[in-house]
Amino acid sequence: MVTSRCRLYAALSLMQRGYLIQARNIVIYEYCFAKSLPPNLDPKLRRMCLGVWAKLQYLWKLKYSKASRPLAKSNRNYINK
């Protein structure tokens, strides 16, 4: 279980560097592993996976949404006034 937590921290590091697909694969693998364990063995591992997954979803939306793209020139001039 300690190694699973280490892998989740590695997934967080990958997310910070922009490797979202690799981080997704790690989180999915670790969540499946956490689900296979008895619930009383390590209850925090499953919740940790869900927390990392939530952060991954947020970063994914930031990276691929239209809102994260730069503003057009006409909008930039309006904002700077």
N, C-alpha and C. Protein backbone atom coordinates (compact mmCIF):
# COMPACT_ATOMS: atom_id res chain seq x y z
N MET A 1 0.81 -1.19 0.00
CA MET A 1 0.00 0.00 0.00
C MET A 1 0.86 1.27 0.00
N VAL A 2 2.01 1.18 0.58
CA VAL A 2 2.92 2.33 0.57
C VAL A 2 3.37 2.60 -0.87
N THR A 3 3.63 1.54 -1.61
CA THR A 3 4.06 1.73 -3.00
C THR A 3 2.93 2.33 -3.84
N SER A 4 1.69 2.01 -3.51
CA SER A 4 0.56 2.59 -4.23
C SER A 4 0.48 4.09 -3.99
N ARG A 5 0.72 4.49 -2.75
CA ARG A 5 0.72 5.92 -2.45
C ARG A 5 1.87 6.63 -3.17
N CYS A 6 3.01 5.98 -3.22
CA CYS A 6 4.15 6.56 -3.94
C CYS A 6 3.83 6.74 -5.42
N ARG A 7 3.15 5.76 -6.00
CA ARG A 7 2.77 5.88 -7.41
C ARG A 7 1.77 7.01 -7.62
N LEU A 8 0.86 7.20 -6.65
CA LEU A 8 -0.08 8.31 -6.77
C LEU A 8 0.64 9.66 -6.67
N TYR A 9 1.64 9.76 -5.82
CA TYR A 9 2.44 10.98 -5.75
C TYR A 9 3.21 11.19 -7.06
N ALA A 10 3.67 10.10 -7.66
CA ALA A 10 4.33 10.21 -8.96
C ALA A 10 3.34 10.68 -10.01
N ALA A 11 2.09 10.23 -9.92
CA ALA A 11 1.06 10.69 -10.86
C ALA A 11 0.81 12.19 -10.69
N LEU A 12 0.81 12.66 -9.45
CA LEU A 12 0.67 14.11 -9.22
C LEU A 12 1.82 14.88 -9.86
N SER A 13 3.01 14.34 -9.75
CA SER A 13 4.17 14.98 -10.36
C SER A 13 4.03 15.01 -11.88
N LEU A 14 3.56 13.91 -12.46
CA LEU A 14 3.34 13.88 -13.91
C LEU A 14 2.30 14.90 -14.34
N MET A 15 1.26 15.04 -13.53
CA MET A 15 0.21 16.01 -13.86
C MET A 15 0.76 17.43 -13.85
N GLN A 16 1.62 17.73 -12.89
CA GLN A 16 2.21 19.07 -12.82
C GLN A 16 3.08 19.36 -14.04
N ARG A 17 3.68 18.31 -14.61
CA ARG A 17 4.52 18.50 -15.79
C ARG A 17 3.74 18.39 -17.10
N GLY A 18 2.44 18.06 -17.00
CA GLY A 18 1.60 18.05 -18.20
C GLY A 18 1.38 16.69 -18.83
N TYR A 19 1.88 15.64 -18.21
CA TYR A 19 1.70 14.28 -18.75
C TYR A 19 0.41 13.68 -18.18
N LEU A 20 -0.72 14.15 -18.69
CA LEU A 20 -2.00 13.78 -18.11
C LEU A 20 -2.41 12.34 -18.43
N ILE A 21 -2.08 11.86 -19.60
CA ILE A 21 -2.49 10.51 -19.98
C ILE A 21 -1.74 9.47 -19.14
N GLN A 22 -0.45 9.68 -18.94
CA GLN A 22 0.32 8.75 -18.12
C GLN A 22 -0.18 8.78 -16.67
N ALA A 23 -0.50 9.96 -16.18
CA ALA A 23 -1.02 10.08 -14.82
C ALA A 23 -2.38 9.37 -14.71
N ARG A 24 -3.20 9.51 -15.73
CA ARG A 24 -4.51 8.84 -15.73
C ARG A 24 -4.34 7.33 -15.63
N ASN A 25 -3.40 6.78 -16.39
CA ASN A 25 -3.17 5.34 -16.36
C ASN A 25 -2.75 4.86 -14.97
N ILE A 26 -1.91 5.62 -14.31
CA ILE A 26 -1.46 5.25 -12.97
C ILE A 26 -2.63 5.29 -11.99
N VAL A 27 -3.43 6.34 -12.06
CA VAL A 27 -4.55 6.48 -11.12
C VAL A 27 -5.57 5.37 -11.32
N ILE A 28 -5.87 5.04 -12.56
CA ILE A 28 -6.82 3.97 -12.83
C ILE A 28 -6.30 2.64 -12.29
N TYR A 29 -5.03 2.37 -12.52
CA TYR A 29 -4.43 1.12 -12.02
C TYR A 29 -4.50 1.05 -10.50
N GLU A 30 -4.13 2.13 -9.84
CA GLU A 30 -4.09 2.14 -8.38
C GLU A 30 -5.50 2.08 -7.79
N TYR A 31 -6.47 2.69 -8.46
CA TYR A 31 -7.84 2.62 -7.95
C TYR A 31 -8.38 1.20 -8.05
N CYS A 32 -8.09 0.52 -9.15
CA CYS A 32 -8.51 -0.88 -9.28
C CYS A 32 -7.86 -1.73 -8.20
N PHE A 33 -6.60 -1.47 -7.91
CA PHE A 33 -5.91 -2.19 -6.85
C PHE A 33 -6.55 -1.89 -5.50
N ALA A 34 -6.89 -0.61 -5.25
CA ALA A 34 -7.49 -0.24 -3.97
C ALA A 34 -8.87 -0.88 -3.79
N LYS A 35 -9.60 -1.01 -4.89
CA LYS A 35 -10.91 -1.65 -4.80
C LYS A 35 -10.80 -3.15 -4.53
N SER A 36 -9.71 -3.75 -4.95
CA SER A 36 -9.55 -5.19 -4.74
C SER A 36 -9.18 -5.53 -3.29
N LEU A 37 -8.72 -4.54 -2.53
CA LEU A 37 -8.35 -4.77 -1.13
C LEU A 37 -9.59 -4.80 -0.25
N PRO A 38 -9.51 -5.46 0.89
CA PRO A 38 -10.61 -5.37 1.86
C PRO A 38 -10.75 -3.92 2.35
N PRO A 39 -11.96 -3.44 2.57
CA PRO A 39 -12.16 -2.02 2.92
C PRO A 39 -11.46 -1.60 4.21
N ASN A 40 -11.31 -2.50 5.16
CA ASN A 40 -10.69 -2.11 6.43
C ASN A 40 -9.17 -2.15 6.39
N LEU A 41 -8.58 -2.64 5.31
CA LEU A 41 -7.12 -2.75 5.24
C LEU A 41 -6.46 -1.38 5.06
N ASP A 42 -6.93 -0.59 4.10
CA ASP A 42 -6.39 0.76 3.88
C ASP A 42 -7.49 1.65 3.32
N PRO A 43 -8.32 2.23 4.17
CA PRO A 43 -9.44 3.03 3.67
C PRO A 43 -9.00 4.35 3.01
N LYS A 44 -7.83 4.84 3.35
CA LYS A 44 -7.38 6.12 2.79
C LYS A 44 -6.93 6.01 1.34
N LEU A 45 -6.49 4.84 0.93
CA LEU A 45 -5.95 4.68 -0.42
C LEU A 45 -7.01 4.95 -1.48
N ARG A 46 -8.21 4.44 -1.29
CA ARG A 46 -9.28 4.66 -2.27
C ARG A 46 -9.66 6.14 -2.33
N ARG A 47 -9.74 6.78 -1.17
CA ARG A 47 -10.07 8.21 -1.16
C ARG A 47 -8.95 9.05 -1.77
N MET A 48 -7.72 8.63 -1.58
CA MET A 48 -6.60 9.33 -2.18
C MET A 48 -6.65 9.22 -3.70
N CYS A 49 -7.01 8.05 -4.19
CA CYS A 49 -7.17 7.87 -5.65
C CYS A 49 -8.25 8.80 -6.19
N LEU A 50 -9.36 8.90 -5.47
CA LEU A 50 -10.45 9.77 -5.92
C LEU A 50 -10.04 11.24 -5.91
N GLY A 51 -9.24 11.63 -4.92
CA GLY A 51 -8.75 13.01 -4.87
C GLY A 51 -7.81 13.33 -6.01
N VAL A 52 -6.91 12.42 -6.31
CA VAL A 52 -5.98 12.63 -7.43
C VAL A 52 -6.76 12.64 -8.75
N TRP A 53 -7.79 11.80 -8.83
CA TRP A 53 -8.62 11.77 -10.04
C TRP A 53 -9.35 13.10 -10.23
N ALA A 54 -9.84 13.69 -9.15
CA ALA A 54 -10.53 14.98 -9.24
C ALA A 54 -9.57 16.07 -9.74
N LYS A 55 -8.35 16.05 -9.23
CA LYS A 55 -7.36 17.03 -9.70
C LYS A 55 -7.03 16.81 -11.17
N LEU A 56 -6.95 15.55 -11.57
CA LEU A 56 -6.67 15.23 -12.96
C LEU A 56 -7.79 15.75 -13.87
N GLN A 57 -9.03 15.58 -13.45
CA GLN A 57 -10.16 16.08 -14.24
C GLN A 57 -10.09 17.60 -14.38
N TYR A 58 -9.75 18.28 -13.29
CA TYR A 58 -9.64 19.74 -13.33
C TYR A 58 -8.54 20.18 -14.30
N LEU A 59 -7.38 19.55 -14.21
CA LEU A 59 -6.28 19.91 -15.10
C LEU A 59 -6.60 19.59 -16.55
N TRP A 60 -7.32 18.49 -16.77
CA TRP A 60 -7.72 18.11 -18.13
C TRP A 60 -8.63 19.18 -18.72
N LYS A 61 -9.59 19.66 -17.92
CA LYS A 61 -10.49 20.71 -18.40
C LYS A 61 -9.73 22.00 -18.69
N LEU A 62 -8.76 22.32 -17.84
CA LEU A 62 -7.96 23.52 -18.07
C LEU A 62 -7.16 23.43 -19.36
N LYS A 63 -6.60 22.27 -19.61
CA LYS A 63 -5.73 22.10 -20.76
C LYS A 63 -6.51 22.07 -22.07
N TYR A 64 -7.69 21.46 -22.06
CA TYR A 64 -8.39 21.24 -23.32
C TYR A 64 -9.68 22.04 -23.49
N SER A 65 -9.97 22.97 -22.59
CA SER A 65 -11.18 23.76 -22.76
C SER A 65 -10.88 25.01 -23.59
N LYS A 66 -11.92 25.59 -24.13
CA LYS A 66 -11.76 26.81 -24.92
C LYS A 66 -11.37 27.99 -24.05
N ALA A 67 -11.74 27.95 -22.79
CA ALA A 67 -11.44 29.07 -21.89
C ALA A 67 -9.95 29.22 -21.63
N SER A 68 -9.18 28.17 -21.79
CA SER A 68 -7.76 28.27 -21.51
C SER A 68 -6.96 28.81 -22.69
N ARG A 69 -7.60 28.98 -23.83
CA ARG A 69 -6.90 29.52 -24.98
C ARG A 69 -6.75 31.02 -24.86
N PRO A 70 -5.74 31.61 -25.47
CA PRO A 70 -5.52 33.05 -25.34
C PRO A 70 -6.65 33.85 -25.98
N LEU A 71 -6.84 35.04 -25.44
CA LEU A 71 -7.89 35.92 -25.95
C LEU A 71 -7.50 36.49 -27.31
N ALA A 72 -8.51 36.85 -28.08
CA ALA A 72 -8.26 37.51 -29.37
C ALA A 72 -7.70 38.90 -29.11
N LYS A 73 -7.07 39.51 -30.11
CA LYS A 73 -6.46 40.82 -29.94
C LYS A 73 -7.48 41.88 -29.55
N SER A 74 -8.66 41.82 -30.14
CA SER A 74 -9.66 42.84 -29.83
C SER A 74 -10.08 42.76 -28.36
N ASN A 75 -10.18 41.58 -27.80
CA ASN A 75 -10.54 41.44 -26.40
C ASN A 75 -9.42 41.88 -25.48
N ARG A 76 -8.18 41.65 -25.85
CA ARG A 76 -7.05 42.07 -25.03
C ARG A 76 -7.00 43.59 -24.92
N ASN A 77 -7.27 44.29 -26.00
CA ASN A 77 -7.23 45.74 -25.95
C ASN A 77 -8.33 46.28 -25.05
N TYR A 78 -9.48 45.64 -25.04
CA TYR A 78 -10.58 46.08 -24.21
C TYR A 78 -10.26 45.87 -22.73
N ILE A 79 -9.59 44.78 -22.42
CA ILE A 79 -9.28 44.47 -21.03
C ILE A 79 -8.20 45.41 -20.50
N ASN A 80 -7.24 45.79 -21.32
CA ASN A 80 -6.13 46.61 -20.87
C ASN A 80 -6.49 48.08 -20.71
N LYS A 81 -7.65 48.51 -21.13
CA LYS A 81 -8.01 49.93 -21.02
C LYS A 81 -8.30 50.35 -19.61
